[in-house]
PDB file of N, CA and C in Angstrom:
ATOM      1  N   MET A   1      40.817 -23.688  47.994  1.00  0.00           N
ATOM      2  CA  MET A   1      40.401 -22.496  47.264  1.00  0.00           C
ATOM      3  C   MET A   1      38.903 -22.298  47.444  1.00  0.00           C
ATOM      4  N   GLY A   2      38.499 -21.112  47.849  1.00  0.00           N
ATOM      5  CA  GLY A   2      37.090 -20.810  48.099  1.00  0.00           C
ATOM      6  C   GLY A   2      36.329 -20.509  46.822  1.00  0.00           C
ATOM      7  N   ARG A   3      35.043 -20.405  46.977  1.00  0.00           N
ATOM      8  CA  ARG A   3      34.185 -20.067  45.839  1.00  0.00           C
ATOM      9  C   ARG A   3      34.357 -18.595  45.508  1.00  0.00           C
ATOM     10  N   PRO A   4      34.280 -18.240  44.234  1.00  0.00           N
ATOM     11  CA  PRO A   4      34.381 -16.826  43.869  1.00  0.00           C
ATOM     12  C   PRO A   4      33.177 -16.051  44.382  1.00  0.00           C
ATOM     13  N   ALA A   5      33.378 -14.792  44.693  1.00  0.00           N
ATOM     14  CA  ALA A   5      32.282 -13.937  45.154  1.00  0.00           C
ATOM     15  C   ALA A   5      31.269 -13.763  44.033  1.00  0.00           C
ATOM     16  N   ARG A   6      30.007 -13.769  44.392  1.00  0.00           N
ATOM     17  CA  ARG A   6      28.955 -13.560  43.402  1.00  0.00           C
ATOM     18  C   ARG A   6      28.808 -12.074  43.141  1.00  0.00           C
ATOM     19  N   ARG A   7      28.571 -11.771  41.909  1.00  0.00           N
ATOM     20  CA  ARG A   7      28.291 -10.380  41.547  1.00  0.00           C
ATOM     21  C   ARG A   7      26.807 -10.258  41.300  1.00  0.00           C
ATOM     22  N   GLY A   8      26.161  -9.342  41.988  1.00  0.00           N
ATOM     23  CA  GLY A   8      24.715  -9.182  41.854  1.00  0.00           C
ATOM     24  C   GLY A   8      23.980 -10.281  42.593  1.00  0.00           C
ATOM     25  N   THR A   9      22.678 -10.243  42.526  1.00  0.00           N
ATOM     26  CA  THR A   9      21.885 -11.224  43.250  1.00  0.00           C
ATOM     27  C   THR A   9      20.975 -12.044  42.348  1.00  0.00           C
ATOM     28  N   ALA A  10      20.993 -11.819  41.049  1.00  0.00           N
ATOM     29  CA  ALA A  10      20.051 -12.546  40.206  1.00  0.00           C
ATOM     30  C   ALA A  10      20.585 -12.731  38.800  1.00  0.00           C
ATOM     31  N   LEU A  11      20.155 -13.823  38.191  1.00  0.00           N
ATOM     32  CA  LEU A  11      20.369 -14.063  36.780  1.00  0.00           C
ATOM     33  C   LEU A  11      19.042 -13.756  36.117  1.00  0.00           C
ATOM     34  N   ARG A  12      19.051 -12.919  35.129  1.00  0.00           N
ATOM     35  CA  ARG A  12      17.806 -12.448  34.536  1.00  0.00           C
ATOM     36  C   ARG A  12      17.689 -12.911  33.088  1.00  0.00           C
ATOM     37  N   GLY A  13      16.498 -13.319  32.711  1.00  0.00           N
ATOM     38  CA  GLY A  13      16.211 -13.672  31.330  1.00  0.00           C
ATOM     39  C   GLY A  13      14.976 -12.926  30.875  1.00  0.00           C
ATOM     40  N   ARG A  14      15.008 -12.390  29.666  1.00  0.00           N
ATOM     41  CA  ARG A  14      13.860 -11.629  29.169  1.00  0.00           C
ATOM     42  C   ARG A  14      12.855 -12.516  28.484  1.00  0.00           C
ATOM     43  N   GLY A  15      11.605 -12.186  28.679  1.00  0.00           N
ATOM     44  CA  GLY A  15      10.530 -12.890  27.986  1.00  0.00           C
ATOM     45  C   GLY A  15      10.262 -12.239  26.649  1.00  0.00           C
ATOM     46  N   THR A  16       9.097 -12.508  26.112  1.00  0.00           N
ATOM     47  CA  THR A  16       8.755 -11.968  24.802  1.00  0.00           C
ATOM     48  C   THR A  16       8.396 -10.496  24.868  1.00  0.00           C
ATOM     49  N   GLY A  17       7.893 -10.054  25.998  1.00  0.00           N
ATOM     50  CA  GLY A  17       7.565  -8.648  26.152  1.00  0.00           C
ATOM     51  C   GLY A  17       8.790  -7.847  26.546  1.00  0.00           C
ATOM     52  N   ARG A  18       8.795  -6.602  26.214  1.00  0.00           N
ATOM     53  CA  ARG A  18       9.960  -5.771  26.512  1.00  0.00           C
ATOM     54  C   ARG A  18      10.185  -5.575  27.999  1.00  0.00           C
ATOM     55  N   ARG A  19       9.127  -5.657  28.787  1.00  0.00           N
ATOM     56  CA  ARG A  19       9.283  -5.439  30.220  1.00  0.00           C
ATOM     57  C   ARG A  19       8.880  -6.664  31.032  1.00  0.00           C
ATOM     58  N   ASP A  20       8.861  -7.830  30.420  1.00  0.00           N
ATOM     59  CA  ASP A  20       8.567  -9.070  31.125  1.00  0.00           C
ATOM     60  C   ASP A  20       9.885  -9.731  31.515  1.00  0.00           C
ATOM     61  N   LEU A  21       9.990 -10.146  32.763  1.00  0.00           N
ATOM     62  CA  LEU A  21      11.229 -10.736  33.253  1.00  0.00           C
ATOM     63  C   LEU A  21      10.977 -12.021  34.012  1.00  0.00           C
ATOM     64  N   ALA A  22      11.904 -12.937  33.896  1.00  0.00           N
ATOM     65  CA  ALA A  22      11.965 -14.120  34.757  1.00  0.00           C
ATOM     66  C   ALA A  22      13.406 -14.178  35.232  1.00  0.00           C
ATOM     67  N   PHE A  23      13.606 -14.394  36.521  1.00  0.00           N
ATOM     68  CA  PHE A  23      14.978 -14.428  37.014  1.00  0.00           C
ATOM     69  C   PHE A  23      15.135 -15.417  38.148  1.00  0.00           C
ATOM     70  N   LEU A  24      16.370 -15.887  38.309  1.00  0.00           N
ATOM     71  CA  LEU A  24      16.741 -16.813  39.367  1.00  0.00           C
ATOM     72  C   LEU A  24      17.527 -16.038  40.419  1.00  0.00           C
ATOM     73  N   ASP A  25      17.312 -16.370  41.660  1.00  0.00           N
ATOM     74  CA  ASP A  25      18.032 -15.698  42.739  1.00  0.00           C
ATOM     75  C   ASP A  25      19.026 -16.678  43.358  1.00  0.00           C
ATOM     76  N   PRO A  26      20.325 -16.490  43.121  1.00  0.00           N
ATOM     77  CA  PRO A  26      21.317 -17.419  43.661  1.00  0.00           C
ATOM     78  C   PRO A  26      21.421 -17.379  45.183  1.00  0.00           C
ATOM     79  N   GLU A  27      20.852 -16.383  45.816  1.00  0.00           N
ATOM     80  CA  GLU A  27      20.882 -16.293  47.274  1.00  0.00           C
ATOM     81  C   GLU A  27      19.686 -16.985  47.926  1.00  0.00           C
ATOM     82  N   ASP A  28      18.670 -17.326  47.141  1.00  0.00           N
ATOM     83  CA  ASP A  28      17.446 -17.965  47.646  1.00  0.00           C
ATOM     84  C   ASP A  28      17.445 -19.419  47.179  1.00  0.00           C
ATOM     85  N   VAL A  29      18.084 -20.299  47.950  1.00  0.00           N
ATOM     86  CA  VAL A  29      18.277 -21.690  47.568  1.00  0.00           C
ATOM     87  C   VAL A  29      17.617 -22.595  48.603  1.00  0.00           C
ATOM     88  N   ASP A  30      16.906 -23.639  48.125  1.00  0.00           N
ATOM     89  CA  ASP A  30      16.262 -24.569  49.064  1.00  0.00           C
ATOM     90  C   ASP A  30      17.238 -25.659  49.503  1.00  0.00           C
ATOM     91  N   GLU A  31      16.747 -26.602  50.269  1.00  0.00           N
ATOM     92  CA  GLU A  31      17.602 -27.663  50.823  1.00  0.00           C
ATOM     93  C   GLU A  31      18.150 -28.617  49.764  1.00  0.00           C
ATOM     94  N   HIS A  32      17.583 -28.573  48.544  1.00  0.00           N
ATOM     95  CA  HIS A  32      18.048 -29.436  47.455  1.00  0.00           C
ATOM     96  C   HIS A  32      18.983 -28.696  46.498  1.00  0.00           C
ATOM     97  N   GLY A  33      19.277 -27.440  46.805  1.00  0.00           N
ATOM     98  CA  GLY A  33      20.151 -26.642  45.948  1.00  0.00           C
ATOM     99  C   GLY A  33      19.440 -25.936  44.817  1.00  0.00           C
ATOM    100  N   GLU A  34      18.096 -25.993  44.800  1.00  0.00           N
ATOM    101  CA  GLU A  34      17.318 -25.324  43.756  1.00  0.00           C
ATOM    102  C   GLU A  34      17.198 -23.833  44.065  1.00  0.00           C
ATOM    103  N   ARG A  35      17.497 -23.026  43.093  1.00  0.00           N
ATOM    104  CA  ARG A  35      17.328 -21.575  43.241  1.00  0.00           C
ATOM    105  C   ARG A  35      15.866 -21.204  43.036  1.00  0.00           C
ATOM    106  N   ALA A  36      15.415 -20.230  43.786  1.00  0.00           N
ATOM    107  CA  ALA A  36      14.060 -19.721  43.585  1.00  0.00           C
ATOM    108  C   ALA A  36      14.010 -18.958  42.265  1.00  0.00           C
ATOM    109  N   ALA A  37      12.886 -19.038  41.595  1.00  0.00           N
ATOM    110  CA  ALA A  37      12.676 -18.316  40.344  1.00  0.00           C
ATOM    111  C   ALA A  37      11.558 -17.309  40.564  1.00  0.00           C
ATOM    112  N   TYR A  38      11.680 -16.174  39.937  1.00  0.00           N
ATOM    113  CA  TYR A  38      10.686 -15.116  40.053  1.00  0.00           C
ATOM    114  C   TYR A  38      10.235 -14.701  38.665  1.00  0.00           C
ATOM    115  N   GLU A  39       8.983 -14.311  38.579  1.00  0.00           N
ATOM    116  CA  GLU A  39       8.468 -13.741  37.333  1.00  0.00           C
ATOM    117  C   GLU A  39       7.899 -12.371  37.637  1.00  0.00           C
ATOM    118  N   LEU A  40       8.130 -11.465  36.722  1.00  0.00           N
ATOM    119  CA  LEU A  40       7.614 -10.105  36.845  1.00  0.00           C
ATOM    120  C   LEU A  40       7.147  -9.685  35.461  1.00  0.00           C
ATOM    121  N   PHE A  41       5.847  -9.543  35.316  1.00  0.00           N
ATOM    122  CA  PHE A  41       5.266  -9.161  34.039  1.00  0.00           C
ATOM    123  C   PHE A  41       4.625  -7.787  34.154  1.00  0.00           C
ATOM    124  N   ALA A  42       5.002  -6.910  33.264  1.00  0.00           N
ATOM    125  CA  ALA A  42       4.541  -5.521  33.302  1.00  0.00           C
ATOM    126  C   ALA A  42       3.020  -5.424  33.192  1.00  0.00           C
ATOM    127  N   ARG A  43       2.388  -6.378  32.507  1.00  0.00           N
ATOM    128  CA  ARG A  43       0.935  -6.299  32.309  1.00  0.00           C
ATOM    129  C   ARG A  43       0.151  -6.624  33.581  1.00  0.00           C
ATOM    130  N   ARG A  44       0.819  -7.161  34.597  1.00  0.00           N
ATOM    131  CA  ARG A  44       0.172  -7.447  35.881  1.00  0.00           C
ATOM    132  C   ARG A  44       0.511  -6.343  36.864  1.00  0.00           C
ATOM    133  N   ALA A  45      -0.418  -6.034  37.717  1.00  0.00           N
ATOM    134  CA  ALA A  45      -0.210  -4.955  38.682  1.00  0.00           C
ATOM    135  C   ALA A  45       0.244  -5.498  40.037  1.00  0.00           C
ATOM    136  N   VAL A  46       1.126  -6.489  40.016  1.00  0.00           N
ATOM    137  CA  VAL A  46       1.652  -7.077  41.255  1.00  0.00           C
ATOM    138  C   VAL A  46       3.177  -7.133  41.167  1.00  0.00           C
ATOM    139  N   GLY A  47       3.798  -7.304  42.297  1.00  0.00           N
ATOM    140  CA  GLY A  47       5.252  -7.434  42.341  1.00  0.00           C
ATOM    141  C   GLY A  47       5.696  -8.794  41.834  1.00  0.00           C
ATOM    142  N   PRO A  48       6.988  -9.084  41.939  1.00  0.00           N
ATOM    143  CA  PRO A  48       7.484 -10.375  41.470  1.00  0.00           C
ATOM    144  C   PRO A  48       6.802 -11.537  42.183  1.00  0.00           C
ATOM    145  N   GLU A  49       6.478 -12.572  41.419  1.00  0.00           N
ATOM    146  CA  GLU A  49       5.865 -13.778  41.980  1.00  0.00           C
ATOM    147  C   GLU A  49       6.948 -14.835  42.145  1.00  0.00           C
ATOM    148  N   ARG A  50       7.088 -15.373  43.350  1.00  0.00           N
ATOM    149  CA  ARG A  50       8.132 -16.349  43.655  1.00  0.00           C
ATOM    150  C   ARG A  50       7.662 -17.771  43.365  1.00  0.00           C
ATOM    151  N   HIS A  51       8.575 -18.554  42.802  1.00  0.00           N
ATOM    152  CA  HIS A  51       8.375 -19.983  42.565  1.00  0.00           C
ATOM    153  C   HIS A  51       9.554 -20.706  43.194  1.00  0.00           C
ATOM    154  N   GLY A  52       9.329 -21.900  43.697  1.00  0.00           N
ATOM    155  CA  GLY A  52      10.371 -22.641  44.386  1.00  0.00           C
ATOM    156  C   GLY A  52      11.562 -23.016  43.521  1.00  0.00           C
ATOM    157  N   SER A  53      11.353 -23.088  42.200  1.00  0.00           N
ATOM    158  CA  SER A  53      12.435 -23.452  41.282  1.00  0.00           C
ATOM    159  C   SER A  53      12.097 -22.956  39.880  1.00  0.00           C
ATOM    160  N   PHE A  54      13.098 -22.995  39.010  1.00  0.00           N
ATOM    161  CA  PHE A  54      12.883 -22.623  37.615  1.00  0.00           C
ATOM    162  C   PHE A  54      11.897 -23.594  36.970  1.00  0.00           C
ATOM    163  N   ARG A  55      12.017 -24.870  37.312  1.00  0.00           N
ATOM    164  CA  ARG A  55      11.094 -25.875  36.765  1.00  0.00           C
ATOM    165  C   ARG A  55       9.651 -25.561  37.146  1.00  0.00           C
ATOM    166  N   GLU A  56       9.440 -25.215  38.403  1.00  0.00           N
ATOM    167  CA  GLU A  56       8.094 -24.865  38.862  1.00  0.00           C
ATOM    168  C   GLU A  56       7.545 -23.662  38.092  1.00  0.00           C
ATOM    169  N   LEU A  57       8.387 -22.668  37.865  1.00  0.00           N
ATOM    170  CA  LEU A  57       7.981 -21.484  37.094  1.00  0.00           C
ATOM    171  C   LEU A  57       7.584 -21.885  35.680  1.00  0.00           C
ATOM    172  N   MET A  58       8.412 -22.690  35.015  1.00  0.00           N
ATOM    173  CA  MET A  58       8.136 -23.080  33.636  1.00  0.00           C
ATOM    174  C   MET A  58       6.881 -23.944  33.528  1.00  0.00           C
ATOM    175  N   LEU A  59       6.686 -24.851  34.478  1.00  0.00           N
ATOM    176  CA  LEU A  59       5.457 -25.668  34.458  1.00  0.00           C
ATOM    177  C   LEU A  59       4.225 -24.796  34.631  1.00  0.00           C
ATOM    178  N   GLY A  60       4.298 -23.797  35.495  1.00  0.00           N
ATOM    179  CA  GLY A  60       3.173 -22.881  35.683  1.00  0.00           C
ATOM    180  C   GLY A  60       2.869 -22.078  34.427  1.00  0.00           C
ATOM    181  N   LEU A  61       3.918 -21.588  33.765  1.00  0.00           N
ATOM    182  CA  LEU A  61       3.716 -20.827  32.521  1.00  0.00           C
ATOM    183  C   LEU A  61       3.154 -21.736  31.421  1.00  0.00           C
ATOM    184  N   HIS A  62       3.647 -22.949  31.336  1.00  0.00           N
ATOM    185  CA  HIS A  62       3.180 -23.915  30.340  1.00  0.00           C
ATOM    186  C   HIS A  62       1.693 -24.235  30.560  1.00  0.00           C
ATOM    187  N   THR A  63       1.339 -24.508  31.806  1.00  0.00           N
ATOM    188  CA  THR A  63      -0.051 -24.820  32.141  1.00  0.00           C
ATOM    189  C   THR A  63      -0.959 -23.637  31.820  1.00  0.00           C
ATOM    190  N   GLY A  64      -0.522 -22.433  32.189  1.00  0.00           N
ATOM    191  CA  GLY A  64      -1.308 -21.238  31.897  1.00  0.00           C
ATOM    192  C   GLY A  64      -1.501 -21.009  30.410  1.00  0.00           C
ATOM    193  N   PHE A  65      -0.446 -21.256  29.636  1.00  0.00           N
ATOM    194  CA  PHE A  65      -0.523 -21.095  28.190  1.00  0.00           C
ATOM    195  C   PHE A  65      -1.562 -22.035  27.587  1.00  0.00           C
ATOM    196  N   HIS A  66      -1.526 -23.288  28.005  1.00  0.00           N
ATOM    197  CA  HIS A  66      -2.473 -24.261  27.448  1.00  0.00           C
ATOM    198  C   HIS A  66      -3.893 -24.043  27.970  1.00  0.00           C
ATOM    199  N   ALA A  67      -4.037 -23.437  29.132  1.00  0.00           N
ATOM    200  CA  ALA A  67      -5.378 -23.100  29.638  1.00  0.00           C
ATOM    201  C   ALA A  67      -6.014 -22.048  28.735  1.00  0.00           C
ATOM    202  N   LEU A  68      -5.226 -21.171  28.157  1.00  0.00           N
ATOM    203  CA  LEU A  68      -5.770 -20.165  27.238  1.00  0.00           C
ATOM    204  C   LEU A  68      -6.417 -20.830  26.040  1.00  0.00           C
ATOM    205  N   GLY A  69      -5.815 -21.872  25.524  1.00  0.00           N
ATOM    206  CA  GLY A  69      -6.380 -22.608  24.384  1.00  0.00           C
ATOM    207  C   GLY A  69      -7.699 -23.261  24.745  1.00  0.00           C
ATOM    208  N   ARG A  70      -7.798 -23.800  25.945  1.00  0.00           N
ATOM    209  CA  ARG A  70      -9.047 -24.418  26.377  1.00  0.00           C
ATOM    210  C   ARG A  70     -10.148 -23.376  26.510  1.00  0.00           C
ATOM    211  N   LEU A  71      -9.793 -22.176  26.968  1.00  0.00           N
ATOM    212  CA  LEU A  71     -10.795 -21.116  27.074  1.00  0.00           C
ATOM    213  C   LEU A  71     -11.321 -20.737  25.703  1.00  0.00           C
ATOM    214  N   ASN A  72     -10.447 -20.665  24.699  1.00  0.00           N
ATOM    215  CA  ASN A  72     -10.868 -20.321  23.337  1.00  0.00           C
ATOM    216  C   ASN A  72     -11.754 -21.401  22.747  1.00  0.00           C
ATOM    217  N   ASP A  73     -11.511 -22.667  23.100  1.00  0.00           N
ATOM    218  CA  ASP A  73     -12.343 -23.765  22.599  1.00  0.00           C
ATOM    219  C   ASP A  73     -13.752 -23.721  23.150  1.00  0.00           C
ATOM    220  N   GLN A  74     -13.940 -23.095  24.305  1.00  0.00           N
ATOM    221  CA  GLN A  74     -15.244 -23.047  24.956  1.00  0.00           C
ATOM    222  C   GLN A  74     -16.134 -21.939  24.401  1.00  0.00           C
ATOM    223  N   THR A  75     -15.573 -21.027  23.643  1.00  0.00           N
ATOM    224  CA  THR A  75     -16.369 -19.921  23.121  1.00  0.00           C
ATOM    225  C   THR A  75     -16.864 -20.189  21.732  1.00  0.00           C
TER     226      THR A  75
END
Protein backbone atom coordinates (compact mmCIF):
# COMPACT_ATOMS: atom_id res chain seq x y z
CA MET A 1 0.00 0.00 0.00
CA GLY A 2 1.44 3.36 -1.05
CA ARG A 3 1.55 6.59 0.87
CA PRO A 4 -1.54 8.78 0.63
CA ALA A 5 -1.31 11.80 -1.67
CA ARG A 6 -0.46 15.02 0.12
CA ARG A 7 -2.93 17.82 -0.04
CA GLY A 8 -1.33 21.23 -0.34
CA THR A 9 2.34 21.92 0.15
CA ALA A 10 2.60 23.30 3.67
CA LEU A 11 1.48 22.97 7.25
CA ARG A 12 0.87 26.43 8.61
CA GLY A 13 0.85 27.72 12.17
CA ARG A 14 -0.10 31.24 13.19
CA GLY A 15 2.03 33.38 15.42
CA THR A 16 0.85 36.05 17.80
CA GLY A 17 0.32 38.59 15.05
CA ARG A 18 -2.64 38.31 12.75
CA ARG A 19 -0.45 38.16 9.67
CA ASP A 20 2.62 36.39 11.08
CA LEU A 21 3.14 32.85 9.82
CA ALA A 22 5.51 29.96 10.36
CA PHE A 23 5.08 26.90 8.18
CA LEU A 24 6.68 23.59 7.30
CA ASP A 25 7.04 22.44 3.71
CA PRO A 26 6.57 18.67 3.36
CA GLU A 27 8.10 18.81 -0.13
CA ASP A 28 11.36 20.43 1.09
CA VAL A 29 13.02 17.64 3.09
CA ASP A 30 16.74 17.18 3.82
CA GLU A 31 18.71 13.93 3.89
CA HIS A 32 17.70 13.34 7.53
CA GLY A 33 13.97 13.68 6.84
CA GLU A 34 13.72 17.17 8.37
CA ARG A 35 11.22 19.46 6.70
CA ALA A 36 12.27 23.00 5.95
CA ALA A 37 10.55 25.66 8.04
CA TYR A 38 9.69 29.14 6.83
CA GLU A 39 8.76 32.30 8.65
CA LEU A 40 6.86 35.19 7.17
CA PHE A 41 6.22 38.23 9.32
CA ALA A 42 4.11 41.08 8.02
CA ARG A 43 6.21 43.67 9.88
CA ARG A 44 9.26 42.76 7.74
CA ALA A 45 9.51 43.85 4.14
CA VAL A 46 11.01 40.57 2.92
CA GLY A 47 9.63 37.30 1.62
CA PRO A 48 9.57 34.05 3.58
CA GLU A 49 12.84 33.22 5.34
CA ARG A 50 13.89 29.56 5.03
CA HIS A 51 15.31 27.52 7.89
CA GLY A 52 16.66 23.99 7.55
CA SER A 53 14.24 22.64 10.17
CA PHE A 54 11.52 23.63 12.62
CA ARG A 55 14.07 23.33 15.42
CA GLU A 56 16.40 25.77 13.67
CA LEU A 57 13.52 28.24 13.24
CA MET A 58 12.53 28.00 16.92
CA LEU A 59 16.12 28.39 18.15
CA GLY A 60 16.50 31.50 15.99
CA LEU A 61 13.26 33.01 17.32
CA HIS A 62 14.26 32.15 20.91
CA THR A 63 17.70 33.72 20.50
CA GLY A 64 16.20 36.84 18.92
CA PHE A 65 13.67 37.18 21.72
CA HIS A 66 16.33 37.03 24.42
CA ALA A 67 18.56 39.46 22.49
CA LEU A 68 15.77 42.03 22.87
CA GLY A 69 16.07 41.75 26.65
CA ARG A 70 19.81 42.31 26.50
CA LEU A 71 19.28 45.43 24.39
CA ASN A 72 16.86 46.83 27.00
CA ASP A 73 19.40 46.15 29.77
CA GLN A 74 21.98 48.27 27.95
CA THR A 75 19.82 51.40 27.89
